[in-house]
Amino acid sequence: MIAIIDYGMGNLRSVQKGFERVGCAATVTRDAGQIHSARAVVLPGVGAFSACMENLAKFGLVDPIRQTVRSQKPFLGICLGFQLLFSESEEFGIQKGLDLFPGRVLGFPHNELKVPHMGWNAIAKEKDSPFLQGISSGDYVYFVHSFYVAPQDDSLIATTTDYGRAFASSIATERLFACQFHPEKSQELGLRILANFGRFAENS
């Protein structure tokens, strides 16, 4: 079973439906016991960074997420669920994140760029990962965001995307994948990423 963390915000049902479409059972939950016993864990998200961190704390989900990642359980972070993994965000002043990886979440400059960055954009693969099996540089995925992650450790970066500047659109470790784009909104390619994650979790 894949646990999709419910902290009262975000596109939880659409992520669950995406997994169902590729044949992976996924449950939306905020129960720490279910998260602990799940084969894999997903942290999706839309909304404000600070409000999300407040909700994670309110529902007692901060420690279960940290334990999940640190224990090397398969983990997928999506959009805000990607940003929250880092040290801090500059959204509405400096906000502390889960601090699982060193780095900051920065805002796109409001100049000639349209903010938020919304719609289809291409990714460039920076390294191979089982989570990106069947995905190539130049493939298009769907974004909706005004802030982007700047990891301190460039070796984490799995893909980059250009929007006025090249930014990290996903990271990957041996057992974790987190992306700024929305796989559940990225049609066939996004479903392929969800299927890759589900297959990885099943075989772990």
N, C-alpha and C. Protein backbone atom coordinates (compact mmCIF):
# COMPACT_ATOMS: atom_id res chain seq x y z
N MET A 1 0.83 -1.19 0.00
CA MET A 1 0.00 0.00 0.00
C MET A 1 0.87 1.26 0.00
N ILE A 2 0.50 2.24 -0.80
CA ILE A 2 1.17 3.53 -0.83
C ILE A 2 0.35 4.50 0.00
N ALA A 3 0.97 5.17 0.94
CA ALA A 3 0.29 6.16 1.78
C ALA A 3 0.49 7.56 1.20
N ILE A 4 -0.61 8.24 0.91
CA ILE A 4 -0.57 9.64 0.47
C ILE A 4 -0.92 10.49 1.68
N ILE A 5 0.02 11.33 2.09
CA ILE A 5 -0.14 12.06 3.34
C ILE A 5 -1.18 13.17 3.21
N ASP A 6 -2.17 13.12 4.11
CA ASP A 6 -3.27 14.09 4.13
C ASP A 6 -3.00 15.11 5.24
N TYR A 7 -2.67 16.33 4.84
CA TYR A 7 -2.48 17.39 5.84
C TYR A 7 -3.49 18.51 5.62
N GLY A 8 -4.59 18.17 4.96
CA GLY A 8 -5.69 19.11 4.83
C GLY A 8 -5.53 20.11 3.70
N MET A 9 -4.54 19.92 2.84
CA MET A 9 -4.31 20.81 1.71
C MET A 9 -3.88 19.97 0.52
N GLY A 10 -4.12 20.46 -0.67
CA GLY A 10 -3.50 19.84 -1.83
C GLY A 10 -4.44 18.99 -2.65
N ASN A 11 -3.86 18.40 -3.66
CA ASN A 11 -4.57 17.66 -4.70
C ASN A 11 -4.52 16.17 -4.41
N LEU A 12 -4.96 15.78 -3.23
CA LEU A 12 -4.76 14.42 -2.77
C LEU A 12 -5.51 13.40 -3.63
N ARG A 13 -6.76 13.69 -3.93
CA ARG A 13 -7.56 12.73 -4.68
C ARG A 13 -7.03 12.55 -6.10
N SER A 14 -6.55 13.61 -6.73
CA SER A 14 -6.04 13.47 -8.09
C SER A 14 -4.76 12.63 -8.12
N VAL A 15 -3.94 12.75 -7.08
CA VAL A 15 -2.75 11.91 -6.99
C VAL A 15 -3.16 10.45 -6.78
N GLN A 16 -4.13 10.24 -5.89
CA GLN A 16 -4.61 8.88 -5.65
C GLN A 16 -5.18 8.26 -6.94
N LYS A 17 -5.95 9.04 -7.68
CA LYS A 17 -6.51 8.55 -8.93
C LYS A 17 -5.42 8.23 -9.95
N GLY A 18 -4.35 9.04 -9.96
CA GLY A 18 -3.23 8.76 -10.85
C GLY A 18 -2.62 7.40 -10.57
N PHE A 19 -2.41 7.09 -9.28
CA PHE A 19 -1.86 5.78 -8.93
C PHE A 19 -2.84 4.66 -9.29
N GLU A 20 -4.13 4.91 -9.07
CA GLU A 20 -5.12 3.89 -9.42
C GLU A 20 -5.09 3.59 -10.91
N ARG A 21 -4.87 4.61 -11.73
CA ARG A 21 -4.85 4.42 -13.18
C ARG A 21 -3.69 3.54 -13.64
N VAL A 22 -2.61 3.51 -12.84
CA VAL A 22 -1.48 2.65 -13.22
C VAL A 22 -1.45 1.37 -12.38
N GLY A 23 -2.55 1.08 -11.70
CA GLY A 23 -2.69 -0.19 -11.00
C GLY A 23 -2.03 -0.27 -9.65
N CYS A 24 -1.83 0.89 -9.00
CA CYS A 24 -1.19 0.91 -7.68
C CYS A 24 -2.20 1.34 -6.62
N ALA A 25 -2.36 0.52 -5.59
CA ALA A 25 -3.26 0.87 -4.49
C ALA A 25 -2.63 1.97 -3.65
N ALA A 26 -3.41 3.04 -3.43
CA ALA A 26 -2.91 4.17 -2.64
C ALA A 26 -4.02 4.66 -1.72
N THR A 27 -3.66 4.96 -0.48
CA THR A 27 -4.61 5.40 0.54
C THR A 27 -4.24 6.79 1.02
N VAL A 28 -5.22 7.68 1.10
CA VAL A 28 -5.02 9.01 1.66
C VAL A 28 -5.17 8.92 3.17
N THR A 29 -4.15 9.33 3.91
CA THR A 29 -4.18 9.13 5.36
C THR A 29 -3.35 10.20 6.07
N ARG A 30 -3.72 10.45 7.33
CA ARG A 30 -2.86 11.24 8.22
C ARG A 30 -2.55 10.44 9.48
N ASP A 31 -2.81 9.14 9.43
CA ASP A 31 -2.55 8.26 10.55
C ASP A 31 -1.08 7.83 10.55
N ALA A 32 -0.38 8.15 11.63
CA ALA A 32 1.06 7.87 11.70
C ALA A 32 1.34 6.37 11.59
N GLY A 33 0.45 5.54 12.14
CA GLY A 33 0.65 4.10 12.06
C GLY A 33 0.55 3.60 10.63
N GLN A 34 -0.41 4.12 9.88
CA GLN A 34 -0.54 3.72 8.47
C GLN A 34 0.66 4.18 7.66
N ILE A 35 1.12 5.39 7.94
CA ILE A 35 2.30 5.90 7.23
C ILE A 35 3.51 5.03 7.54
N HIS A 36 3.66 4.65 8.80
CA HIS A 36 4.80 3.82 9.21
C HIS A 36 4.75 2.45 8.54
N SER A 37 3.56 1.87 8.41
CA SER A 37 3.45 0.51 7.88
C SER A 37 3.35 0.48 6.36
N ALA A 38 3.18 1.62 5.71
CA ALA A 38 3.04 1.66 4.25
C ALA A 38 4.32 1.21 3.56
N ARG A 39 4.17 0.65 2.38
CA ARG A 39 5.32 0.23 1.58
C ARG A 39 6.08 1.45 1.05
N ALA A 40 5.33 2.54 0.78
CA ALA A 40 5.92 3.77 0.24
C ALA A 40 5.03 4.94 0.67
N VAL A 41 5.59 6.15 0.62
CA VAL A 41 4.89 7.34 1.10
C VAL A 41 4.99 8.44 0.07
N VAL A 42 3.88 9.17 -0.11
CA VAL A 42 3.82 10.29 -1.05
C VAL A 42 3.40 11.54 -0.30
N LEU A 43 4.12 12.64 -0.53
CA LEU A 43 3.76 13.95 0.03
C LEU A 43 3.46 14.88 -1.13
N PRO A 44 2.17 15.05 -1.47
CA PRO A 44 1.81 16.01 -2.52
C PRO A 44 1.59 17.39 -1.91
N GLY A 45 1.22 18.36 -2.73
CA GLY A 45 0.91 19.64 -2.11
C GLY A 45 0.73 20.78 -3.08
N VAL A 46 -0.21 21.63 -2.75
CA VAL A 46 -0.37 22.93 -3.38
C VAL A 46 -0.70 23.91 -2.26
N GLY A 47 -0.40 25.18 -2.47
CA GLY A 47 -0.71 26.18 -1.46
C GLY A 47 0.53 26.84 -0.90
N ALA A 48 0.39 27.48 0.23
CA ALA A 48 1.46 28.25 0.84
C ALA A 48 2.36 27.36 1.69
N PHE A 49 3.65 27.58 1.59
CA PHE A 49 4.66 26.81 2.31
C PHE A 49 4.41 26.86 3.82
N SER A 50 4.21 28.06 4.37
CA SER A 50 4.07 28.20 5.83
C SER A 50 2.80 27.52 6.33
N ALA A 51 1.70 27.66 5.58
CA ALA A 51 0.43 27.03 6.00
C ALA A 51 0.57 25.52 5.99
N CYS A 52 1.29 25.00 5.02
CA CYS A 52 1.49 23.56 4.95
C CYS A 52 2.31 23.06 6.14
N MET A 53 3.40 23.75 6.46
CA MET A 53 4.21 23.35 7.60
C MET A 53 3.39 23.41 8.89
N GLU A 54 2.55 24.42 9.02
CA GLU A 54 1.68 24.53 10.21
C GLU A 54 0.74 23.33 10.30
N ASN A 55 0.16 22.93 9.16
CA ASN A 55 -0.75 21.79 9.16
C ASN A 55 -0.02 20.48 9.45
N LEU A 56 1.17 20.32 8.89
CA LEU A 56 1.94 19.12 9.18
C LEU A 56 2.22 19.01 10.68
N ALA A 57 2.56 20.13 11.30
CA ALA A 57 2.81 20.14 12.74
C ALA A 57 1.52 19.86 13.52
N LYS A 58 0.42 20.49 13.09
CA LYS A 58 -0.86 20.34 13.79
C LYS A 58 -1.33 18.89 13.80
N PHE A 59 -1.12 18.20 12.69
CA PHE A 59 -1.57 16.81 12.58
C PHE A 59 -0.51 15.80 12.99
N GLY A 60 0.60 16.26 13.54
CA GLY A 60 1.64 15.36 14.02
C GLY A 60 2.33 14.57 12.93
N LEU A 61 2.52 15.21 11.77
CA LEU A 61 3.05 14.52 10.60
C LEU A 61 4.52 14.84 10.31
N VAL A 62 5.09 15.80 11.01
CA VAL A 62 6.48 16.18 10.73
C VAL A 62 7.43 15.03 11.02
N ASP A 63 7.33 14.44 12.20
CA ASP A 63 8.25 13.34 12.55
C ASP A 63 8.04 12.11 11.68
N PRO A 64 6.78 11.69 11.40
CA PRO A 64 6.61 10.54 10.49
C PRO A 64 7.24 10.76 9.11
N ILE A 65 7.16 11.97 8.58
CA ILE A 65 7.77 12.24 7.27
C ILE A 65 9.29 12.15 7.38
N ARG A 66 9.85 12.79 8.39
CA ARG A 66 11.30 12.73 8.56
C ARG A 66 11.78 11.30 8.75
N GLN A 67 11.06 10.52 9.56
CA GLN A 67 11.44 9.13 9.79
C GLN A 67 11.35 8.31 8.51
N THR A 68 10.32 8.59 7.70
CA THR A 68 10.15 7.87 6.44
C THR A 68 11.34 8.08 5.52
N VAL A 69 11.74 9.34 5.36
CA VAL A 69 12.84 9.65 4.46
C VAL A 69 14.16 9.12 5.02
N ARG A 70 14.37 9.32 6.30
CA ARG A 70 15.65 8.90 6.90
C ARG A 70 15.79 7.39 6.97
N SER A 71 14.66 6.68 7.00
CA SER A 71 14.70 5.21 7.04
C SER A 71 14.84 4.60 5.65
N GLN A 72 14.92 5.44 4.62
CA GLN A 72 15.10 5.00 3.25
C GLN A 72 13.88 4.27 2.67
N LYS A 73 12.70 4.53 3.24
CA LYS A 73 11.48 4.00 2.63
C LYS A 73 11.22 4.77 1.34
N PRO A 74 10.75 4.11 0.26
CA PRO A 74 10.46 4.83 -0.98
C PRO A 74 9.53 6.03 -0.73
N PHE A 75 9.93 7.18 -1.25
CA PHE A 75 9.23 8.43 -0.95
C PHE A 75 9.13 9.26 -2.22
N LEU A 76 7.95 9.84 -2.42
CA LEU A 76 7.70 10.72 -3.56
C LEU A 76 7.15 12.04 -3.05
N GLY A 77 7.81 13.15 -3.41
CA GLY A 77 7.31 14.48 -3.08
C GLY A 77 6.89 15.19 -4.36
N ILE A 78 5.74 15.85 -4.32
CA ILE A 78 5.19 16.49 -5.52
C ILE A 78 4.92 17.96 -5.23
N CYS A 79 5.47 18.84 -6.07
CA CYS A 79 5.25 20.29 -6.04
C CYS A 79 5.62 20.86 -4.66
N LEU A 80 4.65 21.33 -3.88
CA LEU A 80 4.98 21.84 -2.56
C LEU A 80 5.59 20.75 -1.69
N GLY A 81 5.19 19.50 -1.92
CA GLY A 81 5.77 18.38 -1.20
C GLY A 81 7.23 18.14 -1.54
N PHE A 82 7.70 18.67 -2.64
CA PHE A 82 9.11 18.72 -3.01
C PHE A 82 9.80 19.84 -2.25
N GLN A 83 9.22 21.03 -2.29
CA GLN A 83 9.84 22.19 -1.65
C GLN A 83 10.00 22.02 -0.15
N LEU A 84 9.02 21.37 0.49
CA LEU A 84 9.04 21.22 1.95
C LEU A 84 10.21 20.39 2.45
N LEU A 85 10.82 19.60 1.59
CA LEU A 85 11.93 18.75 2.00
C LEU A 85 13.19 19.54 2.33
N PHE A 86 13.24 20.81 1.93
CA PHE A 86 14.46 21.60 2.05
C PHE A 86 14.44 22.47 3.31
N SER A 87 15.55 23.17 3.52
CA SER A 87 15.78 23.85 4.79
C SER A 87 14.79 24.98 5.04
N GLU A 88 14.57 25.81 4.02
CA GLU A 88 13.73 26.99 4.25
C GLU A 88 13.23 27.56 2.93
N SER A 89 12.18 28.36 3.06
CA SER A 89 11.58 29.04 1.91
C SER A 89 11.52 30.53 2.19
N GLU A 90 11.65 31.33 1.13
CA GLU A 90 11.53 32.78 1.30
C GLU A 90 10.11 33.26 1.03
N GLU A 91 9.15 32.34 0.89
CA GLU A 91 7.76 32.71 0.66
C GLU A 91 7.18 33.38 1.91
N PHE A 92 6.73 34.63 1.78
CA PHE A 92 6.18 35.41 2.91
C PHE A 92 7.18 35.50 4.06
N GLY A 93 8.44 35.81 3.72
CA GLY A 93 9.49 35.84 4.73
C GLY A 93 10.10 34.46 4.87
N ILE A 94 11.17 34.35 5.66
CA ILE A 94 11.86 33.07 5.78
C ILE A 94 11.01 32.10 6.60
N GLN A 95 10.71 30.96 5.99
CA GLN A 95 9.92 29.91 6.64
C GLN A 95 10.75 28.64 6.69
N LYS A 96 10.75 27.98 7.84
CA LYS A 96 11.53 26.76 8.00
C LYS A 96 10.79 25.57 7.40
N GLY A 97 11.55 24.73 6.66
CA GLY A 97 10.99 23.52 6.08
C GLY A 97 11.34 22.31 6.91
N LEU A 98 11.22 21.13 6.31
CA LEU A 98 11.52 19.89 7.01
C LEU A 98 13.02 19.67 7.17
N ASP A 99 13.83 20.38 6.40
CA ASP A 99 15.29 20.37 6.53
C ASP A 99 15.88 18.98 6.36
N LEU A 100 15.31 18.21 5.44
CA LEU A 100 15.87 16.90 5.12
C LEU A 100 17.02 17.00 4.12
N PHE A 101 17.01 18.07 3.35
CA PHE A 101 18.09 18.37 2.41
C PHE A 101 18.43 19.85 2.54
N PRO A 102 19.72 20.20 2.50
CA PRO A 102 20.08 21.61 2.57
C PRO A 102 19.73 22.32 1.26
N GLY A 103 19.15 23.49 1.39
CA GLY A 103 18.77 24.27 0.22
C GLY A 103 17.64 25.22 0.55
N ARG A 104 17.39 26.14 -0.38
CA ARG A 104 16.36 27.17 -0.17
C ARG A 104 15.34 27.13 -1.30
N VAL A 105 14.14 27.58 -0.96
CA VAL A 105 13.07 27.73 -1.95
C VAL A 105 12.96 29.23 -2.24
N LEU A 106 13.18 29.58 -3.51
CA LEU A 106 13.28 30.98 -3.93
C LEU A 106 12.14 31.33 -4.89
N GLY A 107 11.80 32.62 -4.92
CA GLY A 107 10.75 33.07 -5.82
C GLY A 107 11.30 33.46 -7.18
N PHE A 108 10.53 33.16 -8.23
CA PHE A 108 10.88 33.65 -9.56
C PHE A 108 10.80 35.18 -9.56
N PRO A 109 11.71 35.86 -10.23
CA PRO A 109 11.65 37.33 -10.30
C PRO A 109 10.45 37.78 -11.14
N HIS A 110 9.80 38.83 -10.70
CA HIS A 110 8.67 39.38 -11.44
C HIS A 110 9.19 40.44 -12.41
N ASN A 111 9.73 39.97 -13.53
CA ASN A 111 10.15 40.91 -14.58
C ASN A 111 9.42 40.54 -15.86
N GLU A 112 10.15 40.08 -16.86
CA GLU A 112 9.44 39.70 -18.08
C GLU A 112 8.80 38.31 -17.98
N LEU A 113 9.13 37.56 -16.92
CA LEU A 113 8.53 36.25 -16.73
C LEU A 113 7.11 36.38 -16.19
N LYS A 114 6.24 35.53 -16.67
CA LYS A 114 4.90 35.45 -16.09
C LYS A 114 4.97 34.54 -14.87
N VAL A 115 4.53 35.05 -13.74
CA VAL A 115 4.55 34.28 -12.49
C VAL A 115 3.11 34.20 -11.98
N PRO A 116 2.60 32.99 -11.68
CA PRO A 116 3.33 31.73 -11.59
C PRO A 116 3.73 31.15 -12.95
N HIS A 117 4.74 30.30 -12.89
CA HIS A 117 5.13 29.47 -14.03
C HIS A 117 4.06 28.39 -14.15
N MET A 118 3.23 28.49 -15.18
CA MET A 118 2.08 27.61 -15.29
C MET A 118 1.99 27.04 -16.70
N GLY A 119 1.83 25.72 -16.78
CA GLY A 119 1.65 25.07 -18.07
C GLY A 119 2.75 24.05 -18.34
N TRP A 120 2.85 23.67 -19.61
CA TRP A 120 3.79 22.63 -20.02
C TRP A 120 5.17 23.21 -20.28
N ASN A 121 6.20 22.50 -19.80
CA ASN A 121 7.57 22.90 -20.05
C ASN A 121 8.44 21.65 -20.10
N ALA A 122 9.60 21.78 -20.73
CA ALA A 122 10.46 20.63 -20.95
C ALA A 122 11.39 20.40 -19.77
N ILE A 123 11.78 19.15 -19.59
CA ILE A 123 12.79 18.79 -18.60
C ILE A 123 14.05 18.34 -19.33
N ALA A 124 15.19 18.56 -18.68
CA ALA A 124 16.48 18.03 -19.14
C ALA A 124 16.99 17.08 -18.07
N LYS A 125 17.26 15.84 -18.45
CA LYS A 125 17.74 14.86 -17.48
C LYS A 125 19.19 15.12 -17.13
N GLU A 126 19.47 15.21 -15.85
CA GLU A 126 20.83 15.42 -15.36
C GLU A 126 21.48 14.12 -14.89
N LYS A 127 20.66 13.12 -14.58
CA LYS A 127 21.19 11.81 -14.20
C LYS A 127 20.09 10.77 -14.39
N ASP A 128 20.51 9.52 -14.47
CA ASP A 128 19.56 8.43 -14.60
C ASP A 128 18.98 8.07 -13.23
N SER A 129 17.75 7.62 -13.25
CA SER A 129 17.07 7.20 -12.03
C SER A 129 15.99 6.21 -12.42
N PRO A 130 15.76 5.18 -11.60
CA PRO A 130 14.66 4.25 -11.91
C PRO A 130 13.30 4.96 -11.95
N PHE A 131 13.19 6.08 -11.26
CA PHE A 131 11.93 6.82 -11.25
C PHE A 131 11.69 7.54 -12.57
N LEU A 132 12.74 7.71 -13.36
CA LEU A 132 12.63 8.40 -14.65
C LEU A 132 12.79 7.44 -15.83
N GLN A 133 12.60 6.15 -15.57
CA GLN A 133 12.70 5.17 -16.65
C GLN A 133 11.64 5.49 -17.72
N GLY A 134 12.07 5.56 -18.97
CA GLY A 134 11.16 5.88 -20.06
C GLY A 134 10.91 7.36 -20.26
N ILE A 135 11.61 8.19 -19.49
CA ILE A 135 11.50 9.66 -19.60
C ILE A 135 12.79 10.18 -20.22
N SER A 136 12.68 11.10 -21.17
CA SER A 136 13.85 11.62 -21.88
C SER A 136 13.97 13.13 -21.75
N SER A 137 15.18 13.64 -21.93
CA SER A 137 15.37 15.09 -22.04
C SER A 137 14.52 15.60 -23.21
N GLY A 138 13.87 16.73 -22.98
CA GLY A 138 12.99 17.29 -23.99
C GLY A 138 11.53 16.92 -23.80
N ASP A 139 11.25 15.95 -22.93
CA ASP A 139 9.86 15.62 -22.64
C ASP A 139 9.20 16.76 -21.85
N TYR A 140 7.91 16.91 -22.06
CA TYR A 140 7.17 18.01 -21.43
C TYR A 140 6.31 17.48 -20.28
N VAL A 141 6.32 18.24 -19.18
CA VAL A 141 5.50 17.95 -18.01
C VAL A 141 4.80 19.24 -17.58
N TYR A 142 3.87 19.11 -16.64
CA TYR A 142 2.99 20.24 -16.29
C TYR A 142 3.40 20.87 -14.96
N PHE A 143 3.54 22.19 -14.98
CA PHE A 143 3.97 22.97 -13.81
C PHE A 143 2.90 23.97 -13.40
N VAL A 144 2.82 24.23 -12.09
CA VAL A 144 2.08 25.38 -11.54
C VAL A 144 2.83 25.80 -10.27
N HIS A 145 3.67 26.85 -10.36
CA HIS A 145 4.42 27.26 -9.17
C HIS A 145 5.01 28.65 -9.37
N SER A 146 5.20 29.33 -8.24
CA SER A 146 5.83 30.66 -8.22
C SER A 146 7.20 30.63 -7.58
N PHE A 147 7.55 29.50 -6.95
CA PHE A 147 8.82 29.34 -6.24
C PHE A 147 9.52 28.09 -6.74
N TYR A 148 10.84 28.08 -6.66
CA TYR A 148 11.62 26.95 -7.12
C TYR A 148 12.69 26.60 -6.09
N VAL A 149 13.16 25.36 -6.13
CA VAL A 149 14.14 24.88 -5.17
C VAL A 149 15.55 25.10 -5.70
N ALA A 150 16.42 25.58 -4.82
CA ALA A 150 17.86 25.71 -5.10
C ALA A 150 18.61 24.80 -4.12
N PRO A 151 18.82 23.52 -4.47
CA PRO A 151 19.54 22.62 -3.55
C PRO A 151 20.99 23.04 -3.39
N GLN A 152 21.54 22.85 -2.21
CA GLN A 152 22.98 23.09 -2.01
C GLN A 152 23.81 22.03 -2.70
N ASP A 153 23.29 20.81 -2.73
CA ASP A 153 24.01 19.67 -3.31
C ASP A 153 23.50 19.42 -4.72
N ASP A 154 24.27 19.83 -5.71
CA ASP A 154 23.85 19.67 -7.11
C ASP A 154 23.72 18.21 -7.52
N SER A 155 24.37 17.32 -6.81
CA SER A 155 24.29 15.90 -7.18
C SER A 155 22.91 15.31 -6.95
N LEU A 156 22.08 16.00 -6.19
CA LEU A 156 20.70 15.55 -5.98
C LEU A 156 19.85 15.73 -7.23
N ILE A 157 20.21 16.68 -8.08
CA ILE A 157 19.32 17.12 -9.16
C ILE A 157 19.18 16.04 -10.22
N ALA A 158 17.94 15.65 -10.47
CA ALA A 158 17.64 14.64 -11.49
C ALA A 158 17.26 15.27 -12.81
N THR A 159 16.50 16.36 -12.77
CA THR A 159 16.13 17.09 -13.98
C THR A 159 16.19 18.59 -13.70
N THR A 160 16.44 19.33 -14.76
CA THR A 160 16.32 20.79 -14.70
C THR A 160 15.32 21.24 -15.76
N THR A 161 14.81 22.44 -15.55
CA THR A 161 13.87 23.05 -16.50
C THR A 161 14.23 24.52 -16.62
N ASP A 162 14.08 25.07 -17.80
CA ASP A 162 14.41 26.47 -18.02
C ASP A 162 13.15 27.34 -17.97
N TYR A 163 13.18 28.33 -17.10
CA TYR A 163 12.13 29.35 -17.07
C TYR A 163 12.79 30.67 -16.67
N GLY A 164 13.41 31.30 -17.64
CA GLY A 164 14.20 32.48 -17.36
C GLY A 164 15.57 32.14 -16.82
N ARG A 165 15.68 31.01 -16.19
CA ARG A 165 16.92 30.44 -15.65
C ARG A 165 16.69 28.93 -15.52
N ALA A 166 17.76 28.18 -15.47
CA ALA A 166 17.61 26.75 -15.24
C ALA A 166 17.39 26.51 -13.75
N PHE A 167 16.36 25.74 -13.42
CA PHE A 167 16.11 25.42 -12.01
C PHE A 167 15.93 23.91 -11.87
N ALA A 168 16.10 23.43 -10.65
CA ALA A 168 15.94 22.00 -10.37
C ALA A 168 14.45 21.66 -10.40
N SER A 169 14.04 20.89 -11.41
CA SER A 169 12.63 20.51 -11.48
C SER A 169 12.37 19.15 -10.84
N SER A 170 13.43 18.41 -10.50
CA SER A 170 13.27 17.21 -9.68
C SER A 170 14.61 16.83 -9.07
N ILE A 171 14.54 16.07 -7.98
CA ILE A 171 15.73 15.49 -7.36
C ILE A 171 15.50 13.98 -7.21
N ALA A 172 16.57 13.25 -7.10
CA ALA A 172 16.46 11.81 -6.86
C ALA A 172 17.64 11.34 -6.03
N THR A 173 17.34 10.48 -5.06
CA THR A 173 18.36 9.71 -4.37
C THR A 173 18.07 8.25 -4.71
N GLU A 174 18.72 7.36 -4.00
CA GLU A 174 18.53 5.93 -4.31
C GLU A 174 17.08 5.50 -4.13
N ARG A 175 16.37 6.10 -3.15
CA ARG A 175 15.02 5.62 -2.83
C ARG A 175 14.00 6.76 -2.73
N LEU A 176 14.36 7.93 -3.17
CA LEU A 176 13.48 9.10 -3.09
C LEU A 176 13.45 9.82 -4.43
N PHE A 177 12.26 10.26 -4.80
CA PHE A 177 12.10 11.13 -5.97
C PHE A 177 11.16 12.25 -5.57
N ALA A 178 11.51 13.47 -5.92
CA ALA A 178 10.65 14.62 -5.63
C ALA A 178 10.73 15.58 -6.80
N CYS A 179 9.58 16.11 -7.20
CA CYS A 179 9.52 16.91 -8.41
C CYS A 179 8.67 18.15 -8.23
N GLN A 180 9.07 19.21 -8.91
CA GLN A 180 8.30 20.45 -8.89
C GLN A 180 7.06 20.35 -9.77
N PHE A 181 7.14 19.56 -10.82
CA PHE A 181 6.00 19.41 -11.73
C PHE A 181 4.98 18.43 -11.13
N HIS A 182 3.83 18.35 -11.77
CA HIS A 182 2.74 17.50 -11.30
C HIS A 182 2.63 16.25 -12.19
N PRO A 183 3.11 15.09 -11.75
CA PRO A 183 2.94 13.88 -12.57
C PRO A 183 1.47 13.57 -12.84
N GLU A 184 0.62 13.81 -11.84
CA GLU A 184 -0.80 13.46 -11.99
C GLU A 184 -1.51 14.35 -13.00
N LYS A 185 -0.86 15.45 -13.42
CA LYS A 185 -1.44 16.33 -14.43
C LYS A 185 -0.66 16.27 -15.75
N SER A 186 0.34 15.40 -15.80
CA SER A 186 1.25 15.38 -16.95
C SER A 186 0.94 14.25 -17.93
N GLN A 187 -0.30 13.78 -17.91
CA GLN A 187 -0.79 12.82 -18.88
C GLN A 187 0.10 11.56 -18.92
N GLU A 188 0.40 11.05 -20.10
CA GLU A 188 1.06 9.75 -20.21
C GLU A 188 2.42 9.73 -19.52
N LEU A 189 3.21 10.79 -19.70
CA LEU A 189 4.55 10.80 -19.10
C LEU A 189 4.47 10.84 -17.58
N GLY A 190 3.52 11.61 -17.05
CA GLY A 190 3.35 11.68 -15.61
C GLY A 190 2.92 10.35 -15.03
N LEU A 191 1.99 9.68 -15.72
CA LEU A 191 1.56 8.36 -15.27
C LEU A 191 2.71 7.37 -15.31
N ARG A 192 3.61 7.53 -16.26
CA ARG A 192 4.79 6.65 -16.32
C ARG A 192 5.65 6.83 -15.08
N ILE A 193 5.80 8.07 -14.62
CA ILE A 193 6.59 8.32 -13.41
C ILE A 193 5.90 7.69 -12.20
N LEU A 194 4.58 7.84 -12.10
CA LEU A 194 3.85 7.21 -10.99
C LEU A 194 3.98 5.69 -11.05
N ALA A 195 3.90 5.13 -12.25
CA ALA A 195 4.05 3.68 -12.41
C ALA A 195 5.47 3.25 -12.02
N ASN A 196 6.47 4.03 -12.41
CA ASN A 196 7.86 3.73 -12.03
C ASN A 196 8.00 3.71 -10.52
N PHE A 197 7.40 4.69 -9.85
CA PHE A 197 7.48 4.77 -8.39
C PHE A 197 6.77 3.58 -7.77
N GLY A 198 5.57 3.27 -8.27
CA GLY A 198 4.83 2.14 -7.72
C GLY A 198 5.57 0.82 -7.90
N ARG A 199 6.21 0.63 -9.06
CA ARG A 199 6.97 -0.58 -9.33
C ARG A 199 8.19 -0.67 -8.41
N PHE A 200 8.85 0.49 -8.23
CA PHE A 200 10.01 0.53 -7.34
C PHE A 200 9.60 0.16 -5.91
N ALA A 201 8.48 0.73 -5.45
CA ALA A 201 8.00 0.44 -4.10
C ALA A 201 7.65 -1.03 -3.93
N GLU A 202 7.02 -1.60 -4.93
CA GLU A 202 6.61 -2.99 -4.87
C GLU A 202 7.81 -3.93 -4.79
N ASN A 203 8.88 -3.56 -5.45
CA ASN A 203 10.07 -4.42 -5.51
C ASN A 203 11.07 -4.13 -4.40
N SER A 204 10.78 -3.15 -3.57
CA SER A 204 11.73 -2.78 -2.51
C SER A 204 11.61 -3.72 -1.31
